[in-house]
């Protein structure tokens, strides 16, 4: 049985104030709002990519703030992203998570370095051991420059703590992999893009971004999709989800600053992103 109860989690953005300082309370308040809307699993410092702008000290302080929050339901699962260019920093974070109330980790590979498969396996094994929590591996070659091979996945999945894979690379390979791993191994889609097709290929988990704006809609559509393996694409709830997942229609700003602007308009100020995300001009510069 998979130790993580919920197949759907929402990847929440990290709040920063006007001076780009971490705003722990605004981040937690957003999670609590989503909890009121029915979401029961959250990924912090993971899929949004903001984790690489945070220091290890900032991440640890956020974990401690989450642990101190008493308003989380007993059903809630808090997942935390673990990835770093320096292994020692990721290991320090993982060791702190091992002593915390965090439910599990989403283990990403270091960006830009392009490690070999052997190096990546050693990196992952060390962090799995240090965290000692349920682990979802995160393969995102477009963002990191590293593509976890099927053979490396099989090697890491021998550890019973590895319970899932978030695949943002070659989704077509999932159909062949599902028959090799345990029946309760979970394959997470990263976001809502081509979600229906991914479920039909064998994906049985979702790391949602649109759920930040459409929590009830994503719960409804995910339940239908996991049950029937199909969805009416004209359903108003699904149309709201696809709009929320698409981001800025003008493509002037990237997804995170657009999402934070929507959250600010819908609820209360969520702050900005750390530059360069959201930058559209430089004062005094001629572009």
Protein backbone atom coordinates (compact mmCIF):
# COMPACT_ATOMS: atom_id res chain seq x y z
CA UNK A 1 0.00 0.00 0.00
CA UNK A 2 1.31 3.45 -0.94
CA UNK A 3 2.12 5.40 2.26
CA UNK A 4 0.85 8.63 0.71
CA UNK A 5 -2.94 8.66 0.81
CA UNK A 6 -3.76 11.34 -1.74
CA UNK A 7 -3.09 10.97 -5.46
CA UNK A 8 -3.65 14.70 -6.04
CA UNK A 9 -1.50 17.41 -4.53
CA UNK A 10 -1.30 21.11 -5.29
CA UNK A 11 2.16 22.59 -5.84
CA UNK A 12 1.92 25.90 -4.00
CA UNK A 13 4.02 28.97 -4.81
CA UNK A 14 6.25 30.54 -2.18
CA UNK A 15 5.30 34.00 -0.93
CA UNK A 16 7.87 36.81 -0.79
CA UNK A 17 7.39 40.37 0.42
CA UNK A 18 8.20 43.53 -1.54
CA UNK A 19 11.86 43.20 -0.54
CA UNK A 20 12.00 39.57 -1.74
CA UNK A 21 12.12 38.24 1.81
CA UNK A 22 10.45 34.89 2.47
CA UNK A 23 6.90 35.38 3.77
CA UNK A 24 6.20 32.17 5.65
CA UNK A 25 2.79 33.22 6.94
CA UNK A 26 1.42 34.22 3.53
CA UNK A 27 2.57 30.87 2.15
CA UNK A 28 0.88 28.98 4.99
CA UNK A 29 -2.28 31.10 4.76
CA UNK A 30 -2.61 30.12 1.11
CA UNK A 31 -2.30 26.43 2.01
CA UNK A 32 -4.98 26.86 4.68
CA UNK A 33 -7.31 28.53 2.15
CA UNK A 34 -6.88 25.58 -0.19
CA UNK A 35 -7.51 23.21 2.71
CA UNK A 36 -10.86 24.95 3.28
CA UNK A 37 -11.65 24.30 -0.40
CA UNK A 38 -11.03 20.56 0.01
CA UNK A 39 -7.38 20.09 -0.98
CA UNK A 40 -5.63 17.62 1.32
CA UNK A 41 -2.11 17.35 -0.07
CA UNK A 42 0.39 20.11 -0.80
CA UNK A 43 3.84 20.34 -2.34
CA UNK A 44 5.95 23.14 -0.90
CA UNK A 45 9.21 24.29 -2.51
CA UNK A 46 8.82 21.79 -5.31
CA UNK A 47 7.22 22.09 -8.71
CA UNK A 48 7.14 25.87 -8.83
CA UNK A 49 10.92 26.02 -9.19
CA UNK A 50 11.30 28.68 -6.52
CA UNK A 51 13.23 26.30 -4.30
CA UNK A 52 16.44 27.14 -6.14
CA UNK A 53 16.10 30.80 -5.13
CA UNK A 54 15.81 29.82 -1.46
CA UNK A 55 18.74 29.17 0.86
CA UNK A 56 18.80 26.01 2.94
CA UNK A 57 18.26 28.17 6.02
CA UNK A 58 15.13 29.68 4.48
CA UNK A 59 13.80 26.24 3.57
CA UNK A 60 14.41 24.93 7.07
CA UNK A 61 12.67 27.94 8.59
CA UNK A 62 9.66 27.29 6.35
CA UNK A 63 9.56 23.63 7.42
CA UNK A 64 9.63 24.70 11.06
CA UNK A 65 6.82 27.20 10.45
CA UNK A 66 4.72 24.48 8.82
CA UNK A 67 5.38 22.19 11.79
CA UNK A 68 4.27 24.91 14.21
CA UNK A 69 0.96 25.52 12.39
CA UNK A 70 -1.88 23.90 14.34
CA UNK A 71 -4.69 24.47 11.85
CA UNK A 72 -3.81 21.69 9.42
CA UNK A 73 -6.32 18.85 9.27
CA UNK A 74 -5.11 15.41 10.33
CA UNK A 75 -5.80 14.29 6.74
CA UNK A 76 -3.37 16.80 5.26
CA UNK A 77 -0.11 15.60 3.72
CA UNK A 78 2.72 18.10 3.35
CA UNK A 79 5.33 17.25 0.74
CA UNK A 80 8.56 19.21 0.41
CA UNK A 81 10.88 19.60 -2.56
CA UNK A 82 14.49 18.52 -2.11
CA UNK A 83 17.02 19.45 -4.78
CA UNK A 84 20.21 21.49 -4.94
CA UNK A 85 23.29 22.01 -7.04
CA UNK A 86 25.40 21.14 -3.98
CA UNK A 87 24.74 17.72 -2.50
CA UNK A 88 25.72 18.86 1.01
CA UNK A 89 22.96 21.48 1.01
CA UNK A 90 20.33 19.00 -0.16
CA UNK A 91 21.52 16.47 2.43
CA UNK A 92 21.27 19.05 5.22
CA UNK A 93 17.69 19.83 4.17
CA UNK A 94 16.79 16.14 3.90
CA UNK A 95 18.19 15.44 7.36
CA UNK A 96 16.05 18.23 8.81
CA UNK A 97 12.98 16.84 7.05
CA UNK A 98 13.67 13.45 8.65
CA UNK A 99 13.13 15.05 12.05
CA UNK A 100 10.03 17.00 10.98
CA UNK A 101 6.34 16.33 10.43
CA UNK A 102 6.72 16.55 6.63
CA UNK A 103 4.89 13.58 5.04
CA UNK A 104 7.23 12.96 2.13
CA UNK A 105 9.65 14.55 -0.32
CA UNK A 106 9.74 15.23 -4.03
CA UNK A 107 13.35 14.57 -4.94
CA UNK A 108 14.60 16.62 -7.87
CA UNK A 109 17.94 16.41 -9.62
CA UNK A 110 20.40 19.33 -9.65
CA UNK A 111 19.87 21.83 -12.47
CA UNK A 112 22.51 22.67 -15.08
CA UNK A 113 25.16 20.20 -13.87
CA UNK A 114 24.03 17.32 -16.12
CA UNK A 115 25.30 14.50 -13.88
CA UNK A 116 25.83 10.99 -15.21
CA UNK A 117 23.31 8.31 -14.32
CA UNK A 118 25.79 6.87 -11.81
CA UNK A 119 26.28 10.26 -10.15
CA UNK A 120 22.53 10.92 -10.07
CA UNK A 121 21.84 7.53 -8.47
CA UNK A 122 24.41 8.20 -5.74
CA UNK A 123 22.96 11.68 -5.15
CA UNK A 124 19.42 10.31 -4.90
CA UNK A 125 20.33 7.36 -2.68
CA UNK A 126 22.07 9.66 -0.23
CA UNK A 127 19.07 11.99 0.02
CA UNK A 128 16.59 9.11 0.29
CA UNK A 129 18.61 7.76 3.20
CA UNK A 130 18.93 11.17 4.86
CA UNK A 131 15.23 12.08 4.60
CA UNK A 132 13.91 8.61 5.46
CA UNK A 133 10.44 9.58 4.22
CA UNK A 134 8.30 8.46 1.26
CA UNK A 135 9.98 9.74 -1.90
CA UNK A 136 8.58 10.87 -5.24
CA UNK A 137 11.39 11.14 -7.77
CA UNK A 138 11.10 14.16 -10.08
CA UNK A 139 12.39 13.82 -13.64
CA UNK A 140 12.32 17.13 -15.51
CA UNK A 141 15.00 17.11 -18.22
CA UNK A 142 13.86 20.36 -19.84
CA UNK A 143 14.48 22.25 -16.60
CA UNK A 144 17.52 20.40 -15.28
CA UNK A 145 19.35 19.10 -18.33
CA UNK A 146 19.31 15.61 -16.80
CA UNK A 147 17.01 12.76 -17.88
CA UNK A 148 16.63 9.87 -15.43
CA UNK A 149 16.92 6.63 -17.39
CA UNK A 150 14.49 3.76 -16.97
CA UNK A 151 17.32 1.60 -15.65
CA UNK A 152 18.20 4.23 -13.03
CA UNK A 153 14.54 4.47 -12.03
CA UNK A 154 14.42 0.70 -11.52
CA UNK A 155 17.58 0.88 -9.41
CA UNK A 156 16.20 3.61 -7.15
CA UNK A 157 12.74 2.04 -6.96
CA UNK A 158 14.22 -1.03 -5.26
CA UNK A 159 14.20 1.10 -2.11
CA UNK A 160 10.67 0.78 -0.65
CA UNK A 161 10.76 4.45 0.33
CA UNK A 162 10.63 5.38 -3.38
CA UNK A 163 6.90 5.31 -4.00
CA UNK A 164 6.43 7.44 -7.10
CA UNK A 165 7.81 9.31 -10.09
CA UNK A 166 6.82 12.75 -11.27
CA UNK A 167 7.60 12.54 -14.98
CA UNK A 168 8.02 15.70 -17.04
CA UNK A 169 10.17 14.04 -19.67
CA UNK A 170 9.16 11.27 -22.07
CA UNK A 171 5.63 10.45 -20.95
CA UNK A 172 5.31 7.69 -23.54
CA UNK A 173 7.63 5.44 -21.57
CA UNK A 174 5.23 5.24 -18.62
CA UNK A 175 3.06 2.56 -20.23
CA UNK A 176 6.02 0.17 -20.40
CA UNK A 177 7.28 1.03 -16.92
CA UNK A 178 3.98 0.44 -15.11
CA UNK A 179 4.09 -3.32 -15.64
CA UNK A 180 7.57 -3.58 -14.12
CA UNK A 181 7.15 -1.67 -10.86
CA UNK A 182 4.87 -2.48 -7.93
CA UNK A 183 1.14 -2.08 -8.45
CA UNK A 184 0.92 0.82 -5.99
CA UNK A 185 3.82 2.78 -7.53
CA UNK A 186 2.48 6.19 -8.47
CA UNK A 187 3.17 8.17 -11.64
CA UNK A 188 2.52 11.90 -11.23
CA UNK A 189 1.73 14.27 -14.06
CA UNK A 190 3.35 17.66 -13.60
CA UNK A 191 0.55 20.13 -14.20
CA UNK A 192 -2.57 19.88 -16.28
CA UNK A 193 -1.11 20.05 -19.79
CA UNK A 194 -2.22 16.98 -21.79
CA UNK A 195 -3.51 15.49 -18.54
CA UNK A 196 -6.23 13.37 -20.12
CA UNK A 197 -3.75 11.70 -22.46
CA UNK A 198 -1.31 11.15 -19.60
CA UNK A 199 -3.92 9.38 -17.49
CA UNK A 200 -4.71 7.16 -20.46
CA UNK A 201 -0.99 6.32 -20.69
CA UNK A 202 -0.94 5.18 -17.07
CA UNK A 203 -0.41 8.29 -14.94
CA UNK A 204 -2.31 7.90 -11.66
CA UNK A 205 -1.18 10.97 -9.72
CA UNK A 206 -1.29 14.71 -10.29
CA UNK A 207 0.95 17.54 -9.13
CA UNK A 208 -1.40 20.41 -9.86
CA UNK A 209 -0.65 24.06 -10.51
CA UNK A 210 -4.15 25.10 -11.60
CA UNK A 211 -5.45 23.86 -8.25
CA UNK A 212 -4.05 27.03 -6.69
CA UNK A 213 -6.80 28.95 -8.50
CA UNK A 214 -9.42 26.24 -9.09
CA UNK A 215 -9.20 23.85 -6.12
CA UNK A 216 -12.76 22.53 -6.23
CA UNK A 217 -12.66 22.16 -10.00
CA UNK A 218 -9.43 20.16 -9.93
CA UNK A 219 -10.80 17.86 -7.23
CA UNK A 220 -13.95 17.27 -9.28
CA UNK A 221 -12.20 16.70 -12.60
CA UNK A 222 -9.46 14.52 -11.10
CA UNK A 223 -12.05 12.23 -9.52
CA UNK A 224 -13.84 11.84 -12.85
CA UNK A 225 -10.63 11.37 -14.79
CA UNK A 226 -9.15 8.73 -12.50
CA UNK A 227 -12.42 6.81 -12.51
CA UNK A 228 -13.30 6.92 -16.21
CA UNK A 229 -9.90 7.68 -17.83
CA UNK A 230 -11.63 10.40 -19.85
CA UNK A 231 -13.18 13.81 -19.39
CA UNK A 232 -15.58 16.08 -21.25
CA UNK A 233 -13.28 18.85 -22.45
CA UNK A 234 -16.27 21.21 -22.73
CA UNK A 235 -17.03 20.83 -19.03
CA UNK A 236 -16.99 24.36 -17.50
CA UNK A 237 -14.83 23.15 -14.60
CA UNK A 238 -12.24 21.74 -17.01
CA UNK A 239 -12.27 24.93 -19.08
CA UNK A 240 -11.52 26.97 -15.95
CA UNK A 241 -8.67 24.58 -15.13
CA UNK A 242 -7.11 24.84 -18.59
CA UNK A 243 -7.30 28.64 -18.42
CA UNK A 244 -5.66 28.62 -14.98
CA UNK A 245 -2.95 26.24 -16.20
CA UNK A 246 -2.16 28.27 -19.33
CA UNK A 247 -0.91 31.38 -17.54
CA UNK A 248 -0.56 34.85 -19.01
CA UNK A 249 -2.43 34.90 -22.35
CA UNK A 250 -0.11 37.66 -23.61
CA UNK A 251 3.02 35.65 -22.65
CA UNK A 252 4.54 38.83 -21.23
CA UNK A 253 5.37 37.27 -17.88
CA UNK A 254 6.10 33.69 -16.90
CA UNK A 255 3.70 31.46 -15.03
CA UNK A 256 4.69 32.14 -11.42
CA UNK A 257 4.33 35.95 -11.40
CA UNK A 258 1.09 35.58 -13.34
CA UNK A 259 -0.21 33.04 -10.80
CA UNK A 260 0.71 35.28 -7.88
CA UNK A 261 -1.08 38.21 -9.51
CA UNK A 262 -4.21 36.07 -9.86
CA UNK A 263 -3.98 34.96 -6.22
CA UNK A 264 -3.58 38.58 -5.12
CA UNK A 265 -6.64 39.60 -7.13
CA UNK A 266 -8.71 36.68 -5.84
CA UNK A 267 -7.68 36.66 -2.18
CA UNK A 268 -5.10 39.06 -0.74
CA UNK A 269 -1.58 40.17 -1.54
CA UNK A 270 0.68 37.21 -2.26
CA UNK A 271 3.71 39.35 -2.96
CA UNK A 272 5.96 39.04 -5.97
CA UNK A 273 8.60 36.66 -7.23
CA UNK A 274 12.30 37.03 -6.76
CA UNK A 275 13.80 38.70 -9.81
CA UNK A 276 14.21 38.04 -12.65
CA UNK A 277 10.77 36.40 -12.59
CA UNK A 278 8.19 39.10 -13.22
CA UNK A 279 10.68 41.67 -14.49
CA UNK A 280 9.41 43.55 -17.53
CA UNK A 281 11.76 46.55 -17.41
CA UNK A 282 14.82 47.92 -15.66
CA UNK A 283 14.52 51.48 -14.38
CA UNK A 284 16.94 53.78 -16.17
CA UNK A 285 17.92 51.18 -18.75
CA UNK A 286 17.17 51.49 -22.44
CA UNK A 287 15.98 48.16 -23.80
